[in-house]
Amino acid sequence: MIEDYFDFLKKVANKHPSVKKFRIIKEFIGVKKGFIRFVIRLRDDSELYVFEYVDSSLHKVDYSYHWQDKEKRLIKRWDNAPHHLEIETFPHHVHEGGDVNPSEEPTFVEILKKIGERI
């Protein structure tokens, strides 16, 4: 189940028209948990670093989608690190420049769609 889900993520990343290059950084698939970390270079040479840690029911225990420009400057980062208690969607939030804003838990497909519409 986890393996099928990670295969789906890799397929989406490899086939999306906004993606120029896909590279796995690390992947672990266990019976009860798994994580995947990869980076994609986009058609404008920005990069999206993807991290998902899931349990056996494919619930995202931890995630981060870090989008940076070709000069390595943050554009946006969606994550659920539990360090912004003041955000109404805690622990889910998005970093935009110096601001931290509320965000629902996104999917990789939603993130890639949003980015594709901006580049």
PDB file of N, CA and C in Angstrom:
ATOM      1  N   MET A   1       0.817  -1.192   0.000  1.00  0.00           N
ATOM      2  CA  MET A   1       0.000   0.000   0.000  1.00  0.00           C
ATOM      3  C   MET A   1       0.871   1.271   0.000  1.00  0.00           C
ATOM      4  N   ILE A   2       1.825   1.331   0.920  1.00  0.00           N
ATOM      5  CA  ILE A   2       2.730   2.483   0.956  1.00  0.00           C
ATOM      6  C   ILE A   2       3.541   2.533  -0.336  1.00  0.00           C
ATOM      7  N   GLU A   3       4.008   1.378  -0.772  1.00  0.00           N
ATOM      8  CA  GLU A   3       4.799   1.321  -2.004  1.00  0.00           C
ATOM      9  C   GLU A   3       3.992   1.815  -3.202  1.00  0.00           C
ATOM     10  N   ASP A   4       2.722   1.425  -3.280  1.00  0.00           N
ATOM     11  CA  ASP A   4       1.860   1.882  -4.370  1.00  0.00           C
ATOM     12  C   ASP A   4       1.677   3.397  -4.326  1.00  0.00           C
ATOM     13  N   TYR A   5       1.499   3.937  -3.129  1.00  0.00           N
ATOM     14  CA  TYR A   5       1.326   5.377  -2.979  1.00  0.00           C
ATOM     15  C   TYR A   5       2.593   6.125  -3.413  1.00  0.00           C
ATOM     16  N   PHE A   6       3.757   5.659  -2.981  1.00  0.00           N
ATOM     17  CA  PHE A   6       5.006   6.307  -3.376  1.00  0.00           C
ATOM     18  C   PHE A   6       5.238   6.183  -4.879  1.00  0.00           C
ATOM     19  N   ASP A   7       4.868   5.036  -5.453  1.00  0.00           N
ATOM     20  CA  ASP A   7       4.965   4.883  -6.911  1.00  0.00           C
ATOM     21  C   ASP A   7       4.076   5.904  -7.622  1.00  0.00           C
ATOM     22  N   PHE A   8       2.888   6.163  -7.055  1.00  0.00           N
ATOM     23  CA  PHE A   8       1.981   7.167  -7.603  1.00  0.00           C
ATOM     24  C   PHE A   8       2.632   8.558  -7.558  1.00  0.00           C
ATOM     25  N   LEU A   9       3.222   8.919  -6.418  1.00  0.00           N
ATOM     26  CA  LEU A   9       3.881  10.226  -6.297  1.00  0.00           C
ATOM     27  C   LEU A   9       4.992  10.380  -7.333  1.00  0.00           C
ATOM     28  N   LYS A  10       5.796   9.338  -7.491  1.00  0.00           N
ATOM     29  CA  LYS A  10       6.900   9.378  -8.452  1.00  0.00           C
ATOM     30  C   LYS A  10       6.384   9.486  -9.881  1.00  0.00           C
ATOM     31  N   LYS A  11       5.302   8.784 -10.178  1.00  0.00           N
ATOM     32  CA  LYS A  11       4.725   8.847 -11.525  1.00  0.00           C
ATOM     33  C   LYS A  11       4.207  10.255 -11.824  1.00  0.00           C
ATOM     34  N   VAL A  12       3.494  10.842 -10.871  1.00  0.00           N
ATOM     35  CA  VAL A  12       2.985  12.205 -11.044  1.00  0.00           C
ATOM     36  C   VAL A  12       4.147  13.172 -11.271  1.00  0.00           C
ATOM     37  N   ALA A  13       5.190  13.052 -10.459  1.00  0.00           N
ATOM     38  CA  ALA A  13       6.350  13.950 -10.578  1.00  0.00           C
ATOM     39  C   ALA A  13       7.045  13.784 -11.928  1.00  0.00           C
ATOM     40  N   ASN A  14       7.161  12.567 -12.386  1.00  0.00           N
ATOM     41  CA  ASN A  14       7.862  12.308 -13.648  1.00  0.00           C
ATOM     42  C   ASN A  14       7.062  12.708 -14.878  1.00  0.00           C
ATOM     43  N   LYS A  15       5.748  12.711 -14.784  1.00  0.00           N
ATOM     44  CA  LYS A  15       4.902  12.956 -15.957  1.00  0.00           C
ATOM     45  C   LYS A  15       4.338  14.373 -16.045  1.00  0.00           C
ATOM     46  N   HIS A  16       4.439  15.147 -14.981  1.00  0.00           N
ATOM     47  CA  HIS A  16       3.822  16.477 -14.967  1.00  0.00           C
ATOM     48  C   HIS A  16       4.538  17.400 -15.954  1.00  0.00           C
ATOM     49  N   PRO A  17       3.788  18.168 -16.756  1.00  0.00           N
ATOM     50  CA  PRO A  17       4.414  19.033 -17.767  1.00  0.00           C
ATOM     51  C   PRO A  17       5.294  20.152 -17.202  1.00  0.00           C
ATOM     52  N   SER A  18       5.135  20.494 -15.938  1.00  0.00           N
ATOM     53  CA  SER A  18       5.968  21.544 -15.338  1.00  0.00           C
ATOM     54  C   SER A  18       7.320  21.023 -14.861  1.00  0.00           C
ATOM     55  N   VAL A  19       7.490  19.710 -14.851  1.00  0.00           N
ATOM     56  CA  VAL A  19       8.693  19.099 -14.286  1.00  0.00           C
ATOM     57  C   VAL A  19       9.731  18.825 -15.371  1.00  0.00           C
ATOM     58  N   LYS A  20      10.957  19.319 -15.149  1.00  0.00           N
ATOM     59  CA  LYS A  20      12.080  19.060 -16.060  1.00  0.00           C
ATOM     60  C   LYS A  20      12.921  17.873 -15.606  1.00  0.00           C
ATOM     61  N   LYS A  21      13.075  17.737 -14.285  1.00  0.00           N
ATOM     62  CA  LYS A  21      13.954  16.692 -13.758  1.00  0.00           C
ATOM     63  C   LYS A  21      13.429  16.214 -12.411  1.00  0.00           C
ATOM     64  N   PHE A  22      13.545  14.917 -12.175  1.00  0.00           N
ATOM     65  CA  PHE A  22      13.092  14.279 -10.940  1.00  0.00           C
ATOM     66  C   PHE A  22      14.259  13.511 -10.337  1.00  0.00           C
ATOM     67  N   ARG A  23      14.450  13.652  -9.008  1.00  0.00           N
ATOM     68  CA  ARG A  23      15.529  12.920  -8.345  1.00  0.00           C
ATOM     69  C   ARG A  23      15.086  12.476  -6.956  1.00  0.00           C
ATOM     70  N   ILE A  24      15.182  11.176  -6.701  1.00  0.00           N
ATOM     71  CA  ILE A  24      14.907  10.630  -5.366  1.00  0.00           C
ATOM     72  C   ILE A  24      16.097  10.946  -4.471  1.00  0.00           C
ATOM     73  N   ILE A  25      15.826  11.433  -3.287  1.00  0.00           N
ATOM     74  CA  ILE A  25      16.876  11.664  -2.304  1.00  0.00           C
ATOM     75  C   ILE A  25      16.948  10.454  -1.364  1.00  0.00           C
ATOM     76  N   LYS A  26      15.788  10.037  -0.849  1.00  0.00           N
ATOM     77  CA  LYS A  26      15.751   8.894   0.049  1.00  0.00           C
ATOM     78  C   LYS A  26      14.325   8.352   0.093  1.00  0.00           C
ATOM     79  N   GLU A  27      14.240   7.036   0.257  1.00  0.00           N
ATOM     80  CA  GLU A  27      12.929   6.398   0.343  1.00  0.00           C
ATOM     81  C   GLU A  27      13.039   5.201   1.270  1.00  0.00           C
ATOM     82  N   PHE A  28      12.055   5.055   2.149  1.00  0.00           N
ATOM     83  CA  PHE A  28      11.971   3.896   3.033  1.00  0.00           C
ATOM     84  C   PHE A  28      10.530   3.414   3.030  1.00  0.00           C
ATOM     85  N   ILE A  29      10.357   2.124   2.814  1.00  0.00           N
ATOM     86  CA  ILE A  29       9.019   1.534   2.834  1.00  0.00           C
ATOM     87  C   ILE A  29       9.021   0.386   3.824  1.00  0.00           C
ATOM     88  N   GLY A  30       8.262   0.564   4.896  1.00  0.00           N
ATOM     89  CA  GLY A  30       8.112  -0.485   5.896  1.00  0.00           C
ATOM     90  C   GLY A  30       6.675  -0.982   5.902  1.00  0.00           C
ATOM     91  N   VAL A  31       6.366  -1.886   6.809  1.00  0.00           N
ATOM     92  CA  VAL A  31       5.010  -2.426   6.905  1.00  0.00           C
ATOM     93  C   VAL A  31       4.065  -1.396   7.507  1.00  0.00           C
ATOM     94  N   LYS A  32       4.534  -0.679   8.542  1.00  0.00           N
ATOM     95  CA  LYS A  32       3.667   0.251   9.258  1.00  0.00           C
ATOM     96  C   LYS A  32       3.936   1.710   8.966  1.00  0.00           C
ATOM     97  N   LYS A  33       5.030   2.001   8.285  1.00  0.00           N
ATOM     98  CA  LYS A  33       5.357   3.394   8.006  1.00  0.00           C
ATOM     99  C   LYS A  33       6.301   3.457   6.815  1.00  0.00           C
ATOM    100  N   GLY A  34       6.399   4.648   6.255  1.00  0.00           N
ATOM    101  CA  GLY A  34       7.321   4.860   5.159  1.00  0.00           C
ATOM    102  C   GLY A  34       7.538   6.347   4.960  1.00  0.00           C
ATOM    103  N   PHE A  35       8.645   6.675   4.329  1.00  0.00           N
ATOM    104  CA  PHE A  35       8.863   8.072   3.980  1.00  0.00           C
ATOM    105  C   PHE A  35       9.538   8.138   2.624  1.00  0.00           C
ATOM    106  N   ILE A  36       9.316   9.268   1.992  1.00  0.00           N
ATOM    107  CA  ILE A  36       9.925   9.531   0.697  1.00  0.00           C
ATOM    108  C   ILE A  36      10.382  10.984   0.682  1.00  0.00           C
ATOM    109  N   ARG A  37      11.541  11.179   0.107  1.00  0.00           N
ATOM    110  CA  ARG A  37      12.088  12.528  -0.047  1.00  0.00           C
ATOM    111  C   ARG A  37      12.631  12.610  -1.469  1.00  0.00           C
ATOM    112  N   PHE A  38      12.150  13.600  -2.214  1.00  0.00           N
ATOM    113  CA  PHE A  38      12.651  13.796  -3.573  1.00  0.00           C
ATOM    114  C   PHE A  38      12.611  15.255  -3.935  1.00  0.00           C
ATOM    115  N   VAL A  39      13.306  15.588  -5.016  1.00  0.00           N
ATOM    116  CA  VAL A  39      13.341  16.966  -5.498  1.00  0.00           C
ATOM    117  C   VAL A  39      13.010  16.952  -6.975  1.00  0.00           C
ATOM    118  N   ILE A  40      12.259  17.952  -7.388  1.00  0.00           N
ATOM    119  CA  ILE A  40      11.979  18.120  -8.805  1.00  0.00           C
ATOM    120  C   ILE A  40      12.418  19.510  -9.236  1.00  0.00           C
ATOM    121  N   ARG A  41      13.041  19.550 -10.399  1.00  0.00           N
ATOM    122  CA  ARG A  41      13.381  20.835 -11.013  1.00  0.00           C
ATOM    123  C   ARG A  41      12.251  21.159 -11.973  1.00  0.00           C
ATOM    124  N   LEU A  42      11.750  22.384 -11.870  1.00  0.00           N
ATOM    125  CA  LEU A  42      10.615  22.807 -12.673  1.00  0.00           C
ATOM    126  C   LEU A  42      11.062  23.570 -13.909  1.00  0.00           C
ATOM    127  N   ARG A  43      10.145  23.795 -14.814  1.00  0.00           N
ATOM    128  CA  ARG A  43      10.502  24.388 -16.114  1.00  0.00           C
ATOM    129  C   ARG A  43      11.089  25.790 -16.001  1.00  0.00           C
ATOM    130  N   ASP A  44      10.858  26.486 -14.892  1.00  0.00           N
ATOM    131  CA  ASP A  44      11.472  27.807 -14.693  1.00  0.00           C
ATOM    132  C   ASP A  44      12.766  27.708 -13.878  1.00  0.00           C
ATOM    133  N   ASP A  45      13.251  26.488 -13.680  1.00  0.00           N
ATOM    134  CA  ASP A  45      14.456  26.164 -12.910  1.00  0.00           C
ATOM    135  C   ASP A  45      14.303  26.369 -11.406  1.00  0.00           C
ATOM    136  N   SER A  46      13.091  26.612 -10.935  1.00  0.00           N
ATOM    137  CA  SER A  46      12.862  26.556  -9.498  1.00  0.00           C
ATOM    138  C   SER A  46      12.836  25.077  -9.103  1.00  0.00           C
ATOM    139  N   GLU A  47      12.884  24.814  -7.792  1.00  0.00           N
ATOM    140  CA  GLU A  47      12.901  23.436  -7.309  1.00  0.00           C
ATOM    141  C   GLU A  47      11.851  23.244  -6.230  1.00  0.00           C
ATOM    142  N   LEU A  48      11.281  22.058  -6.219  1.00  0.00           N
ATOM    143  CA  LEU A  48      10.339  21.670  -5.181  1.00  0.00           C
ATOM    144  C   LEU A  48      10.903  20.460  -4.470  1.00  0.00           C
ATOM    145  N   TYR A  49      11.174  20.627  -3.165  1.00  0.00           N
ATOM    146  CA  TYR A  49      11.642  19.533  -2.323  1.00  0.00           C
ATOM    147  C   TYR A  49      10.424  18.953  -1.617  1.00  0.00           C
ATOM    148  N   VAL A  50      10.226  17.668  -1.795  1.00  0.00           N
ATOM    149  CA  VAL A  50       9.042  16.989  -1.273  1.00  0.00           C
ATOM    150  C   VAL A  50       9.465  15.987  -0.205  1.00  0.00           C
ATOM    151  N   PHE A  51       8.776  16.025   0.933  1.00  0.00           N
ATOM    152  CA  PHE A  51       8.979  15.035   1.983  1.00  0.00           C
ATOM    153  C   PHE A  51       7.610  14.622   2.505  1.00  0.00           C
ATOM    154  N   GLU A  52       7.367  13.327   2.526  1.00  0.00           N
ATOM    155  CA  GLU A  52       6.160  12.783   3.142  1.00  0.00           C
ATOM    156  C   GLU A  52       6.532  11.575   3.986  1.00  0.00           C
ATOM    157  N   TYR A  53       6.015  11.551   5.205  1.00  0.00           N
ATOM    158  CA  TYR A  53       6.156  10.419   6.115  1.00  0.00           C
ATOM    159  C   TYR A  53       4.736   9.945   6.394  1.00  0.00           C
ATOM    160  N   VAL A  54       4.433   8.714   6.000  1.00  0.00           N
ATOM    161  CA  VAL A  54       3.066   8.209   6.116  1.00  0.00           C
ATOM    162  C   VAL A  54       3.020   6.950   6.973  1.00  0.00           C
ATOM    163  N   ASP A  55       1.832   6.708   7.555  1.00  0.00           N
ATOM    164  CA  ASP A  55       1.626   5.450   8.270  1.00  0.00           C
ATOM    165  C   ASP A  55       0.946   4.449   7.337  1.00  0.00           C
ATOM    166  N   SER A  56       0.620   3.284   7.846  1.00  0.00           N
ATOM    167  CA  SER A  56       0.091   2.213   6.997  1.00  0.00           C
ATOM    168  C   SER A  56      -1.270   2.523   6.396  1.00  0.00           C
ATOM    169  N   SER A  57      -2.000   3.484   6.951  1.00  0.00           N
ATOM    170  CA  SER A  57      -3.286   3.897   6.367  1.00  0.00           C
ATOM    171  C   SER A  57      -3.109   5.080   5.414  1.00  0.00           C
ATOM    172  N   LEU A  58      -1.856   5.427   5.126  1.00  0.00           N
ATOM    173  CA  LEU A  58      -1.467   6.525   4.237  1.00  0.00           C
ATOM    174  C   LEU A  58      -1.801   7.901   4.797  1.00  0.00           C
ATOM    175  N   HIS A  59      -1.988   7.964   6.105  1.00  0.00           N
ATOM    176  CA  HIS A  59      -2.132   9.253   6.781  1.00  0.00           C
ATOM    177  C   HIS A  59      -0.754   9.915   6.818  1.00  0.00           C
ATOM    178  N   LYS A  60      -0.679  11.179   6.407  1.00  0.00           N
ATOM    179  CA  LYS A  60       0.592  11.913   6.447  1.00  0.00           C
ATOM    180  C   LYS A  60       0.881  12.340   7.883  1.00  0.00           C
ATOM    181  N   VAL A  61       1.814  11.672   8.499  1.00  0.00           N
ATOM    182  CA  VAL A  61       2.241  12.003   9.849  1.00  0.00           C
ATOM    183  C   VAL A  61       3.051  13.295   9.823  1.00  0.00           C
ATOM    184  N   ASP A  62       3.872  13.421   8.806  1.00  0.00           N
ATOM    185  CA  ASP A  62       4.746  14.586   8.652  1.00  0.00           C
ATOM    186  C   ASP A  62       4.901  14.864   7.163  1.00  0.00           C
ATOM    187  N   TYR A  63       4.946  16.146   6.806  1.00  0.00           N
ATOM    188  CA  TYR A  63       5.145  16.494   5.400  1.00  0.00           C
ATOM    189  C   TYR A  63       5.761  17.876   5.271  1.00  0.00           C
ATOM    190  N   SER A  64       6.397  18.075   4.134  1.00  0.00           N
ATOM    191  CA  SER A  64       6.932  19.378   3.779  1.00  0.00           C
ATOM    192  C   SER A  64       7.057  19.443   2.263  1.00  0.00           C
ATOM    193  N   TYR A  65       6.570  20.543   1.701  1.00  0.00           N
ATOM    194  CA  TYR A  65       6.715  20.836   0.280  1.00  0.00           C
ATOM    195  C   TYR A  65       7.396  22.201   0.205  1.00  0.00           C
ATOM    196  N   HIS A  66       8.684  22.185  -0.057  1.00  0.00           N
ATOM    197  CA  HIS A  66       9.505  23.386  -0.004  1.00  0.00           C
ATOM    198  C   HIS A  66       9.844  23.814  -1.433  1.00  0.00           C
ATOM    199  N   TRP A  67       9.305  24.946  -1.849  1.00  0.00           N
ATOM    200  CA  TRP A  67       9.497  25.464  -3.205  1.00  0.00           C
ATOM    201  C   TRP A  67      10.446  26.646  -3.143  1.00  0.00           C
ATOM    202  N   GLN A  68      11.533  26.571  -3.895  1.00  0.00           N
ATOM    203  CA  GLN A  68      12.517  27.655  -3.901  1.00  0.00           C
ATOM    204  C   GLN A  68      12.879  28.025  -5.331  1.00  0.00           C
ATOM    205  N   ASP A  69      13.289  29.291  -5.508  1.00  0.00           N
ATOM    206  CA  ASP A  69      13.663  29.748  -6.846  1.00  0.00           C
ATOM    207  C   ASP A  69      15.060  29.243  -7.205  1.00  0.00           C
ATOM    208  N   LYS A  70      15.513  29.565  -8.416  1.00  0.00           N
ATOM    209  CA  LYS A  70      16.804  29.031  -8.873  1.00  0.00           C
ATOM    210  C   LYS A  70      17.987  29.598  -8.107  1.00  0.00           C
ATOM    211  N   GLU A  71      17.777  30.677  -7.354  1.00  0.00           N
ATOM    212  CA  GLU A  71      18.815  31.222  -6.485  1.00  0.00           C
ATOM    213  C   GLU A  71      18.712  30.656  -5.068  1.00  0.00           C
ATOM    214  N   LYS A  72      17.876  29.634  -4.892  1.00  0.00           N
ATOM    215  CA  LYS A  72      17.703  28.928  -3.606  1.00  0.00           C
ATOM    216  C   LYS A  72      16.947  29.751  -2.562  1.00  0.00           C
ATOM    217  N   ARG A  73      16.191  30.752  -2.999  1.00  0.00           N
ATOM    218  CA  ARG A  73      15.383  31.560  -2.077  1.00  0.00           C
ATOM    219  C   ARG A  73      13.992  30.953  -1.963  1.00  0.00           C
ATOM    220  N   LEU A  74      13.487  30.912  -0.745  1.00  0.00           N
ATOM    221  CA  LEU A  74      12.166  30.353  -0.493  1.00  0.00           C
ATOM    222  C   LEU A  74      11.087  31.127  -1.243  1.00  0.00           C
ATOM    223  N   ILE A  75      10.243  30.395  -1.941  1.00  0.00           N
ATOM    224  CA  ILE A  75       9.029  30.975  -2.524  1.00  0.00           C
ATOM    225  C   ILE A  75       7.866  30.651  -1.587  1.00  0.00           C
ATOM    226  N   LYS A  76       7.675  29.362  -1.304  1.00  0.00           N
ATOM    227  CA  LYS A  76       6.643  28.906  -0.366  1.00  0.00           C
ATOM    228  C   LYS A  76       7.060  27.571   0.219  1.00  0.00           C
ATOM    229  N   ARG A  77       6.614  27.320   1.449  1.00  0.00           N
ATOM    230  CA  ARG A  77       6.787  26.003   2.045  1.00  0.00           C
ATOM    231  C   ARG A  77       5.536  25.656   2.836  1.00  0.00           C
ATOM    232  N   TRP A  78       4.922  24.572   2.438  1.00  0.00           N
ATOM    233  CA  TRP A  78       3.769  24.030   3.140  1.00  0.00           C
ATOM    234  C   TRP A  78       4.284  22.919   4.048  1.00  0.00           C
ATOM    235  N   ASP A  79       3.911  22.941   5.325  1.00  0.00           N
ATOM    236  CA  ASP A  79       4.342  21.858   6.215  1.00  0.00           C
ATOM    237  C   ASP A  79       3.438  21.764   7.431  1.00  0.00           C
ATOM    238  N   ASN A  80       3.694  20.737   8.231  1.00  0.00           N
ATOM    239  CA  ASN A  80       2.909  20.545   9.450  1.00  0.00           C
ATOM    240  C   ASN A  80       3.806  20.424  10.685  1.00  0.00           C
ATOM    241  N   ALA A  81       4.972  21.058  10.637  1.00  0.00           N
ATOM    242  CA  ALA A  81       5.824  21.092  11.827  1.00  0.00           C
ATOM    243  C   ALA A  81       5.051  21.817  12.929  1.00  0.00           C
ATOM    244  N   PRO A  82       4.989  21.256  14.123  1.00  0.00           N
ATOM    245  CA  PRO A  82       4.127  21.815  15.180  1.00  0.00           C
ATOM    246  C   PRO A  82       4.748  22.989  15.931  1.00  0.00           C
ATOM    247  N   HIS A  83       5.134  24.029  15.212  1.00  0.00           N
ATOM    248  CA  HIS A  83       5.772  25.167  15.881  1.00  0.00           C
ATOM    249  C   HIS A  83       5.034  26.491  15.699  1.00  0.00           C
ATOM    250  N   HIS A  84       3.833  26.471  15.155  1.00  0.00           N
ATOM    251  CA  HIS A  84       3.057  27.710  15.024  1.00  0.00           C
ATOM    252  C   HIS A  84       1.668  27.502  15.628  1.00  0.00           C
ATOM    253  N   LEU A  85       1.653  27.468  16.956  1.00  0.00           N
ATOM    254  CA  LEU A  85       0.408  27.228  17.691  1.00  0.00           C
ATOM    255  C   LEU A  85      -0.650  28.294  17.423  1.00  0.00           C
ATOM    256  N   GLU A  86      -0.206  29.475  17.024  1.00  0.00           N
ATOM    257  CA  GLU A  86      -1.130  30.597  16.814  1.00  0.00           C
ATOM    258  C   GLU A  86      -1.929  30.472  15.516  1.00  0.00           C
ATOM    259  N   ILE A  87      -1.539  29.596  14.636  1.00  0.00           N
ATOM    260  CA  ILE A  87      -2.213  29.443  13.341  1.00  0.00           C
ATOM    261  C   ILE A  87      -3.478  28.614  13.523  1.00  0.00           C
ATOM    262  N   GLU A  88      -4.588  29.105  12.993  1.00  0.00           N
ATOM    263  CA  GLU A  88      -5.873  28.434  13.202  1.00  0.00           C
ATOM    264  C   GLU A  88      -5.958  27.039  12.581  1.00  0.00           C
ATOM    265  N   THR A  89      -5.099  26.754  11.612  1.00  0.00           N
ATOM    266  CA  THR A  89      -5.091  25.429  10.990  1.00  0.00           C
ATOM    267  C   THR A  89      -3.968  24.550  11.562  1.00  0.00           C
ATOM    268  N   PHE A  90      -3.451  24.931  12.724  1.00  0.00           N
ATOM    269  CA  PHE A  90      -2.361  24.202  13.385  1.00  0.00           C
ATOM    270  C   PHE A  90      -2.617  22.698  13.332  1.00  0.00           C
ATOM    271  N   PRO A  91      -1.631  21.912  12.971  1.00  0.00           N
ATOM    272  CA  PRO A  91      -0.233  22.265  12.721  1.00  0.00           C
ATOM    273  C   PRO A  91       0.057  22.648  11.260  1.00  0.00           C
ATOM    274  N   HIS A  92      -0.961  22.580  10.412  1.00  0.00           N
ATOM    275  CA  HIS A  92      -0.769  22.866   8.983  1.00  0.00           C
ATOM    276  C   HIS A  92      -0.627  24.370   8.751  1.00  0.00           C
ATOM    277  N   HIS A  93       0.388  24.732   7.952  1.00  0.00           N
ATOM    278  CA  HIS A  93       0.623  26.145   7.664  1.00  0.00           C
ATOM    279  C   HIS A  93       1.481  26.271   6.409  1.00  0.00           C
ATOM    280  N   VAL A  94       1.587  27.496   5.917  1.00  0.00           N
ATOM    281  CA  VAL A  94       2.410  27.772   4.744  1.00  0.00           C
ATOM    282  C   VAL A  94       3.287  28.988   5.035  1.00  0.00           C
ATOM    283  N   HIS A  95       4.559  28.870   4.695  1.00  0.00           N
ATOM    284  CA  HIS A  95       5.509  29.974   4.807  1.00  0.00           C
ATOM    285  C   HIS A  95       5.539  30.677   3.456  1.00  0.00           C
ATOM    286  N   GLU A  96       5.308  31.984   3.475  1.00  0.00           N
ATOM    287  CA  GLU A  96       5.336  32.801   2.253  1.00  0.00           C
ATOM    288  C   GLU A  96       6.174  34.025   2.563  1.00  0.00           C
ATOM    289  N   GLY A  97       7.391  34.037   2.024  1.00  0.00           N
ATOM    290  CA  GLY A  97       8.305  35.109   2.390  1.00  0.00           C
ATOM    291  C   GLY A  97       8.578  35.004   3.881  1.00  0.00           C
ATOM    292  N   GLY A  98       8.404  36.095   4.599  1.00  0.00           N
ATOM    293  CA  GLY A  98       8.596  36.090   6.040  1.00  0.00           C
ATOM    294  C   GLY A  98       7.332  35.785   6.822  1.00  0.00           C
ATOM    295  N   ASP A  99       6.230  35.565   6.138  1.00  0.00           N
ATOM    296  CA  ASP A  99       4.950  35.334   6.796  1.00  0.00           C
ATOM    297  C   ASP A  99       4.651  33.846   6.946  1.00  0.00           C
ATOM    298  N   VAL A 100       3.876  33.528   7.974  1.00  0.00           N
ATOM    299  CA  VAL A 100       3.359  32.179   8.173  1.00  0.00           C
ATOM    300  C   VAL A 100       1.843  32.303   8.170  1.00  0.00           C
ATOM    301  N   ASN A 101       1.192  31.574   7.277  1.00  0.00           N
ATOM    302  CA  ASN A 101      -0.251  31.677   7.103  1.00  0.00           C
ATOM    303  C   ASN A 101      -0.940  30.332   7.274  1.00  0.00           C
ATOM    304  N   PRO A 102      -2.249  30.369   7.561  1.00  0.00           N
ATOM    305  CA  PRO A 102      -2.999  29.123   7.671  1.00  0.00           C
ATOM    306  C   PRO A 102      -3.021  28.376   6.337  1.00  0.00           C
ATOM    307  N   SER A 103      -3.115  27.065   6.437  1.00  0.00           N
ATOM    308  CA  SER A 103      -3.202  26.228   5.243  1.00  0.00           C
ATOM    309  C   SER A 103      -3.831  24.901   5.628  1.00  0.00           C
ATOM    310  N   GLU A 104      -4.711  24.419   4.803  1.00  0.00           N
ATOM    311  CA  GLU A 104      -5.217  23.066   4.989  1.00  0.00           C
ATOM    312  C   GLU A 104      -4.120  22.103   4.548  1.00  0.00           C
ATOM    313  N   GLU A 105      -4.228  20.850   4.961  1.00  0.00           N
ATOM    314  CA  GLU A 105      -3.234  19.863   4.555  1.00  0.00           C
ATOM    315  C   GLU A 105      -3.337  19.623   3.055  1.00  0.00           C
ATOM    316  N   PRO A 106      -2.299  19.966   2.303  1.00  0.00           N
ATOM    317  CA  PRO A 106      -2.363  19.795   0.849  1.00  0.00           C
ATOM    318  C   PRO A 106      -1.908  18.403   0.429  1.00  0.00           C
ATOM    319  N   THR A 107      -2.210  18.063  -0.798  1.00  0.00           N
ATOM    320  CA  THR A 107      -1.638  16.860  -1.401  1.00  0.00           C
ATOM    321  C   THR A 107      -0.529  17.304  -2.344  1.00  0.00           C
ATOM    322  N   PHE A 108       0.327  16.376  -2.692  1.00  0.00           N
ATOM    323  CA  PHE A 108       1.381  16.678  -3.649  1.00  0.00           C
ATOM    324  C   PHE A 108       0.789  17.120  -4.983  1.00  0.00           C
ATOM    325  N   VAL A 109      -0.272  16.478  -5.410  1.00  0.00           N
ATOM    326  CA  VAL A 109      -0.924  16.836  -6.679  1.00  0.00           C
ATOM    327  C   VAL A 109      -1.433  18.277  -6.625  1.00  0.00           C
ATOM    328  N   GLU A 110      -2.041  18.674  -5.511  1.00  0.00           N
ATOM    329  CA  GLU A 110      -2.531  20.059  -5.372  1.00  0.00           C
ATOM    330  C   GLU A 110      -1.381  21.063  -5.408  1.00  0.00           C
ATOM    331  N   ILE A 111      -0.288  20.741  -4.734  1.00  0.00           N
ATOM    332  CA  ILE A 111       0.871  21.632  -4.713  1.00  0.00           C
ATOM    333  C   ILE A 111       1.430  21.799  -6.120  1.00  0.00           C
ATOM    334  N   LEU A 112       1.589  20.698  -6.821  1.00  0.00           N
ATOM    335  CA  LEU A 112       2.134  20.755  -8.175  1.00  0.00           C
ATOM    336  C   LEU A 112       1.221  21.531  -9.111  1.00  0.00           C
ATOM    337  N   LYS A 113      -0.080  21.409  -8.922  1.00  0.00           N
ATOM    338  CA  LYS A 113      -1.041  22.165  -9.736  1.00  0.00           C
ATOM    339  C   LYS A 113      -0.904  23.671  -9.460  1.00  0.00           C
ATOM    340  N   LYS A 114      -0.840  24.049  -8.179  1.00  0.00           N
ATOM    341  CA  LYS A 114      -0.692  25.470  -7.813  1.00  0.00           C
ATOM    342  C   LYS A 114       0.593  26.052  -8.396  1.00  0.00           C
ATOM    343  N   ILE A 115       1.680  25.312  -8.282  1.00  0.00           N
ATOM    344  CA  ILE A 115       2.954  25.787  -8.808  1.00  0.00           C
ATOM    345  C   ILE A 115       2.902  25.889 -10.324  1.00  0.00           C
ATOM    346  N   GLY A 116       2.342  24.879 -10.975  1.00  0.00           N
ATOM    347  CA  GLY A 116       2.232  24.877 -12.432  1.00  0.00           C
ATOM    348  C   GLY A 116       1.458  26.066 -12.953  1.00  0.00           C
ATOM    349  N   GLU A 117       0.477  26.545 -12.193  1.00  0.00           N
ATOM    350  CA  GLU A 117      -0.316  27.705 -12.603  1.00  0.00           C
ATOM    351  C   GLU A 117       0.472  29.005 -12.454  1.00  0.00           C
ATOM    352  N   ARG A 118       1.522  28.999 -11.629  1.00  0.00           N
ATOM    353  CA  ARG A 118       2.308  30.222 -11.378  1.00  0.00           C
ATOM    354  C   ARG A 118       3.564  30.346 -12.223  1.00  0.00           C
ATOM    355  N   ILE A 119       4.034  29.242 -12.761  1.00  0.00           N
ATOM    356  CA  ILE A 119       5.304  29.337 -13.514  1.00  0.00           C
ATOM    357  C   ILE A 119       5.062  29.323 -15.015  1.00  0.00           C
TER     358      ILE A 119
END
